[in-house]
């Protein structure tokens, strides 16, 4: 499915990138996006992608803007307290149980990728990895807080 849509998607991104509808840019865009599509096809043929999340899992991106704003304020507060000497910042690493699924299941791979990407997009939390054999997610946070709902919806268990 993606291979059918990749040429027009790449072309739209090309037009956005160049920011003009000049004829030479449009023609060059056809060449560039054709090469990109061919490269995507060849790589996918040699190393097939195992990424097929459900629509519900993809739509968890809805939470990201809220966490961007709330985590930004949290970081400002933590940094301000640290700079003023009120309280030292104490970042922490911890693991949480995560329903990682089988290592070669494309739906489970999609869910793991989205959990890492969406959670790491927020400024206060970084997912360092998911251990499939132990069914654990390794997280780094600047300040201890509850696990984001989107991460729980994608498989983290508290």
N, C-alpha and C. Protein backbone atom coordinates (compact mmCIF):
# COMPACT_ATOMS: atom_id res chain seq x y z
N UNK A 1 0.83 -1.20 0.00
CA UNK A 1 0.00 0.00 0.00
C UNK A 1 0.87 1.25 0.00
N UNK A 2 1.88 1.27 0.88
CA UNK A 2 2.74 2.44 0.95
C UNK A 2 3.49 2.66 -0.35
N UNK A 3 3.87 1.57 -1.02
CA UNK A 3 4.63 1.73 -2.26
C UNK A 3 3.79 2.42 -3.34
N UNK A 4 2.48 2.21 -3.34
CA UNK A 4 1.61 2.89 -4.30
C UNK A 4 1.47 4.38 -3.99
N UNK A 5 1.52 4.69 -2.71
CA UNK A 5 1.33 6.07 -2.30
C UNK A 5 2.63 6.85 -2.16
N UNK A 6 3.76 6.15 -2.19
CA UNK A 6 5.02 6.83 -1.89
C UNK A 6 5.38 7.89 -2.92
N UNK A 7 5.16 7.64 -4.20
CA UNK A 7 5.51 8.65 -5.21
C UNK A 7 4.74 9.94 -5.01
N UNK A 8 3.40 9.91 -4.89
CA UNK A 8 2.70 11.18 -4.66
C UNK A 8 3.04 11.82 -3.31
N UNK A 9 3.27 11.00 -2.29
CA UNK A 9 3.64 11.57 -0.99
C UNK A 9 4.99 12.25 -1.08
N UNK A 10 5.97 11.58 -1.69
CA UNK A 10 7.28 12.19 -1.86
C UNK A 10 7.19 13.47 -2.70
N UNK A 11 6.33 13.46 -3.71
CA UNK A 11 6.20 14.63 -4.58
C UNK A 11 5.61 15.82 -3.82
N UNK A 12 4.61 15.56 -2.98
CA UNK A 12 4.05 16.64 -2.16
C UNK A 12 5.12 17.19 -1.22
N UNK A 13 5.90 16.31 -0.61
CA UNK A 13 6.98 16.78 0.26
C UNK A 13 8.03 17.57 -0.54
N UNK A 14 8.28 17.17 -1.78
CA UNK A 14 9.22 17.90 -2.63
C UNK A 14 8.72 19.32 -2.85
N UNK A 15 7.45 19.45 -3.20
CA UNK A 15 6.88 20.79 -3.46
C UNK A 15 6.94 21.64 -2.19
N UNK A 16 6.64 21.04 -1.06
CA UNK A 16 6.73 21.78 0.20
C UNK A 16 8.18 22.19 0.46
N UNK A 17 9.12 21.29 0.19
CA UNK A 17 10.53 21.56 0.42
C UNK A 17 11.04 22.71 -0.44
N UNK A 18 10.72 22.69 -1.75
CA UNK A 18 11.24 23.75 -2.62
C UNK A 18 10.42 25.02 -2.51
N UNK A 19 9.14 24.91 -2.15
CA UNK A 19 8.32 26.09 -1.93
C UNK A 19 7.99 26.88 -3.18
N UNK A 20 7.98 26.23 -4.33
CA UNK A 20 7.67 26.94 -5.57
C UNK A 20 7.04 25.97 -6.57
N UNK A 21 6.35 26.55 -7.53
CA UNK A 21 5.77 25.75 -8.61
C UNK A 21 6.48 26.04 -9.93
N UNK A 22 7.73 26.46 -9.86
CA UNK A 22 8.51 26.71 -11.07
C UNK A 22 8.65 25.40 -11.85
N UNK A 23 8.55 25.49 -13.16
CA UNK A 23 8.53 24.29 -14.01
C UNK A 23 9.77 23.44 -13.83
N UNK A 24 10.95 24.07 -13.71
CA UNK A 24 12.17 23.28 -13.54
C UNK A 24 12.17 22.53 -12.21
N UNK A 25 11.60 23.12 -11.15
CA UNK A 25 11.51 22.44 -9.86
C UNK A 25 10.50 21.29 -9.91
N UNK A 26 9.40 21.49 -10.63
CA UNK A 26 8.41 20.43 -10.76
C UNK A 26 8.98 19.24 -11.52
N UNK A 27 9.74 19.51 -12.60
CA UNK A 27 10.35 18.43 -13.37
C UNK A 27 11.45 17.73 -12.57
N UNK A 28 12.27 18.51 -11.90
CA UNK A 28 13.30 17.92 -11.05
C UNK A 28 12.66 17.11 -9.92
N UNK A 29 11.53 17.57 -9.44
CA UNK A 29 10.80 16.85 -8.40
C UNK A 29 10.33 15.49 -8.86
N UNK A 30 9.90 15.39 -10.12
CA UNK A 30 9.48 14.10 -10.67
C UNK A 30 10.67 13.13 -10.66
N UNK A 31 11.83 13.62 -11.07
CA UNK A 31 13.02 12.78 -11.09
C UNK A 31 13.43 12.38 -9.67
N UNK A 32 13.48 13.35 -8.77
CA UNK A 32 13.92 13.08 -7.40
C UNK A 32 12.97 12.11 -6.69
N UNK A 33 11.67 12.32 -6.85
CA UNK A 33 10.72 11.44 -6.17
C UNK A 33 10.68 10.06 -6.81
N UNK A 34 10.97 9.98 -8.11
CA UNK A 34 11.04 8.66 -8.75
C UNK A 34 12.24 7.88 -8.21
N UNK A 35 13.36 8.55 -8.05
CA UNK A 35 14.54 7.90 -7.49
C UNK A 35 14.28 7.47 -6.04
N UNK A 36 13.64 8.35 -5.27
CA UNK A 36 13.32 8.02 -3.88
C UNK A 36 12.37 6.83 -3.80
N UNK A 37 11.37 6.79 -4.68
CA UNK A 37 10.42 5.67 -4.69
C UNK A 37 11.12 4.38 -5.09
N UNK A 38 11.98 4.45 -6.09
CA UNK A 38 12.74 3.26 -6.50
C UNK A 38 13.61 2.76 -5.36
N UNK A 39 14.29 3.68 -4.68
CA UNK A 39 15.12 3.30 -3.54
C UNK A 39 14.30 2.67 -2.43
N UNK A 40 13.14 3.23 -2.15
CA UNK A 40 12.26 2.65 -1.14
C UNK A 40 11.82 1.24 -1.53
N UNK A 41 11.49 1.07 -2.80
CA UNK A 41 11.07 -0.25 -3.29
C UNK A 41 12.21 -1.27 -3.16
N UNK A 42 13.42 -0.89 -3.56
CA UNK A 42 14.55 -1.81 -3.50
C UNK A 42 14.90 -2.18 -2.06
N UNK A 43 14.90 -1.21 -1.18
CA UNK A 43 15.20 -1.49 0.22
C UNK A 43 14.10 -2.35 0.84
N UNK A 44 12.84 -2.04 0.53
CA UNK A 44 11.74 -2.83 1.09
C UNK A 44 11.75 -4.26 0.52
N UNK A 45 12.21 -4.42 -0.70
CA UNK A 45 12.30 -5.76 -1.29
C UNK A 45 13.39 -6.57 -0.59
N UNK A 46 14.51 -5.94 -0.30
CA UNK A 46 15.63 -6.65 0.33
C UNK A 46 15.40 -6.84 1.82
N UNK A 47 14.88 -5.80 2.49
CA UNK A 47 14.62 -5.83 3.93
C UNK A 47 13.17 -5.44 4.16
N UNK A 48 12.24 -6.38 4.04
CA UNK A 48 10.83 -6.03 4.15
C UNK A 48 10.50 -5.42 5.52
N UNK A 49 9.72 -4.35 5.48
CA UNK A 49 9.33 -3.66 6.71
C UNK A 49 8.25 -4.46 7.42
N UNK A 50 8.41 -4.60 8.69
CA UNK A 50 7.43 -5.29 9.51
C UNK A 50 6.81 -4.26 10.44
N UNK A 51 6.04 -3.36 9.86
CA UNK A 51 5.45 -2.27 10.62
C UNK A 51 4.01 -2.11 10.16
N UNK A 52 3.07 -2.59 10.96
CA UNK A 52 1.67 -2.42 10.58
C UNK A 52 0.82 -2.21 11.83
N UNK A 53 0.90 -1.01 12.40
CA UNK A 53 0.08 -0.72 13.58
C UNK A 53 -1.39 -0.56 13.18
N UNK A 54 -2.25 -0.66 14.17
CA UNK A 54 -3.67 -0.44 13.91
C UNK A 54 -3.94 1.06 13.85
N UNK A 55 -5.08 1.43 13.31
CA UNK A 55 -5.45 2.84 13.22
C UNK A 55 -5.57 3.45 14.61
N UNK A 56 -6.11 2.69 15.56
CA UNK A 56 -6.24 3.19 16.94
C UNK A 56 -4.88 3.53 17.52
N UNK A 57 -3.87 2.71 17.23
CA UNK A 57 -2.53 2.96 17.74
C UNK A 57 -1.90 4.18 17.07
N UNK A 58 -2.12 4.34 15.79
CA UNK A 58 -1.59 5.52 15.09
C UNK A 58 -2.25 6.79 15.63
N UNK A 59 -3.54 6.72 15.92
CA UNK A 59 -4.27 7.89 16.39
C UNK A 59 -3.91 8.30 17.82
N UNK A 60 -3.09 7.51 18.50
CA UNK A 60 -2.60 7.92 19.81
C UNK A 60 -1.74 9.17 19.71
N UNK A 61 -1.36 9.55 18.50
CA UNK A 61 -0.60 10.79 18.30
C UNK A 61 -1.40 12.00 18.78
N UNK A 62 -2.69 11.83 18.92
CA UNK A 62 -3.58 12.88 19.40
C UNK A 62 -3.11 13.43 20.75
N UNK A 63 -2.50 12.58 21.59
CA UNK A 63 -2.05 13.01 22.91
C UNK A 63 -0.77 13.84 22.88
N UNK A 64 0.01 13.72 21.82
CA UNK A 64 1.35 14.32 21.78
C UNK A 64 1.33 15.84 22.01
N UNK A 65 0.46 16.62 21.34
CA UNK A 65 0.50 18.07 21.60
C UNK A 65 0.28 18.43 23.07
N UNK A 66 -0.63 17.74 23.73
CA UNK A 66 -0.86 18.01 25.15
C UNK A 66 0.39 17.72 25.96
N UNK A 67 1.04 16.58 25.71
CA UNK A 67 2.24 16.24 26.46
C UNK A 67 3.40 17.16 26.11
N UNK A 68 3.46 17.68 24.89
CA UNK A 68 4.50 18.65 24.54
C UNK A 68 4.37 19.90 25.42
N UNK A 69 3.15 20.41 25.55
CA UNK A 69 2.92 21.62 26.34
C UNK A 69 3.13 21.35 27.83
N UNK A 70 2.51 20.30 28.35
CA UNK A 70 2.60 20.04 29.79
C UNK A 70 4.03 19.69 30.21
N UNK A 71 4.74 18.90 29.40
CA UNK A 71 6.12 18.55 29.74
C UNK A 71 7.05 19.75 29.62
N UNK A 72 6.77 20.64 28.68
CA UNK A 72 7.59 21.86 28.57
C UNK A 72 7.48 22.69 29.84
N UNK A 73 6.27 22.86 30.34
CA UNK A 73 6.09 23.61 31.59
C UNK A 73 6.74 22.88 32.76
N UNK A 74 6.66 21.56 32.76
CA UNK A 74 7.29 20.78 33.82
C UNK A 74 8.80 20.99 33.81
N UNK A 75 9.40 20.98 32.62
CA UNK A 75 10.85 21.17 32.51
C UNK A 75 11.23 22.58 32.94
N UNK A 76 10.45 23.58 32.56
CA UNK A 76 10.73 24.96 32.98
C UNK A 76 10.69 25.07 34.50
N UNK A 77 9.69 24.43 35.12
CA UNK A 77 9.57 24.48 36.58
C UNK A 77 10.75 23.77 37.25
N UNK A 78 11.10 22.60 36.76
CA UNK A 78 12.22 21.84 37.34
C UNK A 78 13.52 22.61 37.16
N UNK A 79 13.75 23.17 35.97
CA UNK A 79 14.99 23.93 35.72
C UNK A 79 15.03 25.19 36.58
N UNK A 80 13.91 25.86 36.71
CA UNK A 80 13.86 27.07 37.55
C UNK A 80 14.17 26.76 39.00
N UNK A 81 13.60 25.68 39.53
CA UNK A 81 13.88 25.30 40.91
C UNK A 81 15.34 24.91 41.10
N UNK A 82 15.91 24.27 40.10
CA UNK A 82 17.31 23.88 40.19
C UNK A 82 18.22 25.12 40.12
N UNK A 83 17.91 26.04 39.21
CA UNK A 83 18.73 27.25 39.08
C UNK A 83 18.65 28.14 40.31
N UNK A 84 17.48 28.20 40.92
CA UNK A 84 17.30 29.03 42.12
C UNK A 84 17.76 28.34 43.39
N UNK A 85 18.17 27.11 43.28
CA UNK A 85 18.65 26.37 44.44
C UNK A 85 17.55 25.87 45.35
N UNK A 86 16.33 25.87 44.87
CA UNK A 86 15.20 25.40 45.69
C UNK A 86 15.25 23.88 45.83
N UNK A 87 15.45 23.21 44.69
CA UNK A 87 15.48 21.75 44.71
C UNK A 87 16.34 21.27 43.56
N UNK A 88 17.24 20.32 43.85
CA UNK A 88 18.10 19.75 42.81
C UNK A 88 17.28 18.88 41.88
N UNK A 89 17.62 18.94 40.61
CA UNK A 89 16.98 18.08 39.63
C UNK A 89 17.53 16.68 39.78
N UNK A 90 16.65 15.73 39.84
CA UNK A 90 17.07 14.33 39.98
C UNK A 90 16.44 13.48 38.90
N UNK A 91 17.12 13.35 37.79
CA UNK A 91 16.57 12.53 36.73
C UNK A 91 16.66 11.06 37.13
N UNK A 92 15.84 10.23 36.50
CA UNK A 92 15.82 8.83 36.88
C UNK A 92 15.59 7.93 35.68
N UNK A 93 16.11 6.73 35.80
CA UNK A 93 15.87 5.66 34.85
C UNK A 93 14.99 4.63 35.54
N UNK A 94 14.05 4.07 34.81
CA UNK A 94 13.25 2.99 35.37
C UNK A 94 12.66 2.15 34.25
N UNK A 95 12.21 0.97 34.61
CA UNK A 95 11.56 0.10 33.64
C UNK A 95 10.11 -0.07 34.03
N UNK A 96 9.28 -0.25 33.02
CA UNK A 96 7.87 -0.56 33.24
C UNK A 96 7.53 -1.79 32.41
N UNK A 97 6.62 -2.61 32.89
CA UNK A 97 6.17 -3.73 32.07
C UNK A 97 5.53 -3.21 30.79
N UNK A 98 5.82 -3.86 29.68
CA UNK A 98 5.29 -3.43 28.38
C UNK A 98 4.89 -4.66 27.59
N UNK A 99 3.69 -4.65 27.07
CA UNK A 99 3.20 -5.75 26.25
C UNK A 99 3.85 -5.64 24.87
N UNK A 100 5.07 -6.17 24.75
CA UNK A 100 5.85 -6.01 23.53
C UNK A 100 5.44 -6.97 22.43
N UNK A 101 4.78 -8.04 22.78
CA UNK A 101 4.38 -9.02 21.78
C UNK A 101 5.57 -9.79 21.24
N UNK A 102 5.32 -10.67 20.27
CA UNK A 102 6.41 -11.43 19.66
C UNK A 102 7.35 -10.53 18.86
N UNK A 103 8.60 -10.92 18.76
CA UNK A 103 9.61 -10.08 18.11
C UNK A 103 9.35 -9.90 16.62
N UNK A 104 8.74 -10.88 15.95
CA UNK A 104 8.56 -10.79 14.50
C UNK A 104 7.13 -10.51 14.06
N UNK A 105 6.25 -10.17 15.00
CA UNK A 105 4.87 -9.83 14.66
C UNK A 105 4.81 -8.37 14.20
N UNK A 106 4.32 -8.13 12.98
CA UNK A 106 4.34 -6.78 12.41
C UNK A 106 3.46 -5.81 13.19
N UNK A 107 2.36 -6.27 13.73
CA UNK A 107 1.49 -5.39 14.54
C UNK A 107 2.20 -5.01 15.84
N UNK A 108 2.87 -5.97 16.47
CA UNK A 108 3.60 -5.69 17.70
C UNK A 108 4.78 -4.75 17.43
N UNK A 109 5.45 -4.94 16.30
CA UNK A 109 6.54 -4.03 15.92
C UNK A 109 6.00 -2.62 15.75
N UNK A 110 4.88 -2.48 15.07
CA UNK A 110 4.27 -1.16 14.88
C UNK A 110 3.92 -0.51 16.20
N UNK A 111 3.36 -1.27 17.13
CA UNK A 111 2.99 -0.72 18.43
C UNK A 111 4.22 -0.30 19.22
N UNK A 112 5.28 -1.12 19.17
CA UNK A 112 6.52 -0.76 19.88
C UNK A 112 7.14 0.50 19.30
N UNK A 113 7.19 0.59 17.97
CA UNK A 113 7.78 1.78 17.33
C UNK A 113 7.00 3.03 17.71
N UNK A 114 5.67 2.95 17.63
CA UNK A 114 4.85 4.13 17.97
C UNK A 114 5.00 4.50 19.44
N UNK A 115 5.09 3.52 20.33
CA UNK A 115 5.27 3.81 21.75
C UNK A 115 6.58 4.55 21.98
N UNK A 116 7.65 4.11 21.34
CA UNK A 116 8.95 4.77 21.49
C UNK A 116 8.92 6.18 20.89
N UNK A 117 8.41 6.31 19.68
CA UNK A 117 8.41 7.61 18.99
C UNK A 117 7.52 8.61 19.71
N UNK A 118 6.28 8.23 19.98
CA UNK A 118 5.34 9.17 20.60
C UNK A 118 5.81 9.59 22.00
N UNK A 119 6.29 8.65 22.79
CA UNK A 119 6.70 8.98 24.15
C UNK A 119 7.97 9.81 24.15
N UNK A 120 8.88 9.53 23.24
CA UNK A 120 10.14 10.27 23.18
C UNK A 120 9.95 11.67 22.58
N UNK A 121 8.86 11.88 21.85
CA UNK A 121 8.59 13.21 21.31
C UNK A 121 8.32 14.23 22.41
N UNK A 122 7.86 13.77 23.55
CA UNK A 122 7.60 14.69 24.66
C UNK A 122 8.92 15.05 25.31
N UNK A 123 9.09 16.31 25.72
CA UNK A 123 10.40 16.74 26.20
C UNK A 123 10.83 16.15 27.54
N UNK A 124 9.91 15.66 28.35
CA UNK A 124 10.29 15.19 29.68
C UNK A 124 10.61 13.72 29.77
N UNK A 125 10.32 12.95 28.74
CA UNK A 125 10.47 11.50 28.81
C UNK A 125 11.18 10.99 27.57
N UNK A 126 12.11 10.07 27.78
CA UNK A 126 12.80 9.43 26.66
C UNK A 126 12.71 7.92 26.87
N UNK A 127 12.25 7.22 25.84
CA UNK A 127 12.25 5.76 25.88
C UNK A 127 13.57 5.30 25.27
N UNK A 128 14.36 4.60 26.06
CA UNK A 128 15.66 4.14 25.59
C UNK A 128 15.57 2.82 24.86
N UNK A 129 14.49 2.10 25.07
CA UNK A 129 14.32 0.85 24.35
C UNK A 129 13.26 -0.02 24.97
N UNK A 130 12.89 -1.04 24.21
CA UNK A 130 11.94 -2.03 24.68
C UNK A 130 12.61 -3.39 24.55
N UNK A 131 12.67 -4.11 25.65
CA UNK A 131 13.24 -5.45 25.67
C UNK A 131 12.11 -6.44 25.45
N UNK A 132 12.08 -7.05 24.29
CA UNK A 132 10.99 -7.95 23.93
C UNK A 132 11.03 -9.22 24.77
N UNK A 133 12.21 -9.74 25.03
CA UNK A 133 12.30 -10.99 25.79
C UNK A 133 11.82 -10.82 27.23
N UNK A 134 12.09 -9.67 27.84
CA UNK A 134 11.65 -9.42 29.22
C UNK A 134 10.31 -8.68 29.29
N UNK A 135 9.82 -8.21 28.12
CA UNK A 135 8.56 -7.44 28.08
C UNK A 135 8.65 -6.21 28.98
N UNK A 136 9.75 -5.44 28.82
CA UNK A 136 9.99 -4.24 29.63
C UNK A 136 10.36 -3.07 28.73
N UNK A 137 9.99 -1.88 29.17
CA UNK A 137 10.35 -0.63 28.49
C UNK A 137 11.26 0.16 29.43
N UNK A 138 12.43 0.61 28.93
CA UNK A 138 13.37 1.40 29.71
C UNK A 138 13.13 2.87 29.42
N UNK A 139 12.90 3.65 30.48
CA UNK A 139 12.52 5.06 30.35
C UNK A 139 13.47 5.93 31.16
N UNK A 140 13.74 7.13 30.64
CA UNK A 140 14.47 8.16 31.38
C UNK A 140 13.55 9.37 31.51
N UNK A 141 13.45 9.90 32.73
CA UNK A 141 12.65 11.11 32.97
C UNK A 141 13.46 12.10 33.78
N UNK A 142 13.17 13.39 33.59
CA UNK A 142 13.83 14.42 34.39
C UNK A 142 13.24 14.46 35.79
N UNK A 143 11.95 14.20 35.90
CA UNK A 143 11.28 14.21 37.18
C UNK A 143 10.25 13.10 37.18
N UNK A 144 10.13 12.41 38.29
CA UNK A 144 9.19 11.31 38.38
C UNK A 144 7.76 11.80 38.17
N UNK A 145 7.06 11.13 37.27
CA UNK A 145 5.67 11.47 37.01
C UNK A 145 4.95 10.21 36.53
N UNK A 146 3.65 10.34 36.38
CA UNK A 146 2.91 9.18 35.91
C UNK A 146 3.20 8.95 34.44
N UNK A 147 3.07 7.71 34.04
CA UNK A 147 3.31 7.32 32.65
C UNK A 147 2.25 7.94 31.76
N UNK A 148 2.63 8.53 30.61
CA UNK A 148 1.64 9.14 29.72
C UNK A 148 0.56 8.13 29.29
N UNK A 149 -0.66 8.62 29.17
CA UNK A 149 -1.78 7.76 28.77
C UNK A 149 -1.54 7.12 27.41
N UNK A 150 -0.95 7.86 26.49
CA UNK A 150 -0.71 7.29 25.16
C UNK A 150 0.24 6.10 25.25
N UNK A 151 1.22 6.16 26.16
CA UNK A 151 2.16 5.06 26.33
C UNK A 151 1.44 3.86 26.94
N UNK A 152 0.55 4.12 27.88
CA UNK A 152 -0.24 3.02 28.45
C UNK A 152 -1.16 2.42 27.40
N UNK A 153 -1.76 3.27 26.56
CA UNK A 153 -2.65 2.77 25.50
C UNK A 153 -1.89 1.93 24.49
N UNK A 154 -0.59 2.16 24.35
CA UNK A 154 0.21 1.41 23.38
C UNK A 154 0.85 0.15 23.98
N UNK A 155 0.61 -0.12 25.25
CA UNK A 155 1.08 -1.39 25.79
C UNK A 155 1.80 -1.33 27.12
N UNK A 156 2.13 -0.14 27.64
CA UNK A 156 2.80 -0.06 28.93
C UNK A 156 1.79 -0.37 30.03
N UNK A 157 2.24 -1.12 31.02
CA UNK A 157 1.37 -1.47 32.14
C UNK A 157 1.97 -0.87 33.41
N UNK A 158 1.13 -0.30 34.20
CA UNK A 158 1.59 0.33 35.44
C UNK A 158 1.34 -0.60 36.60
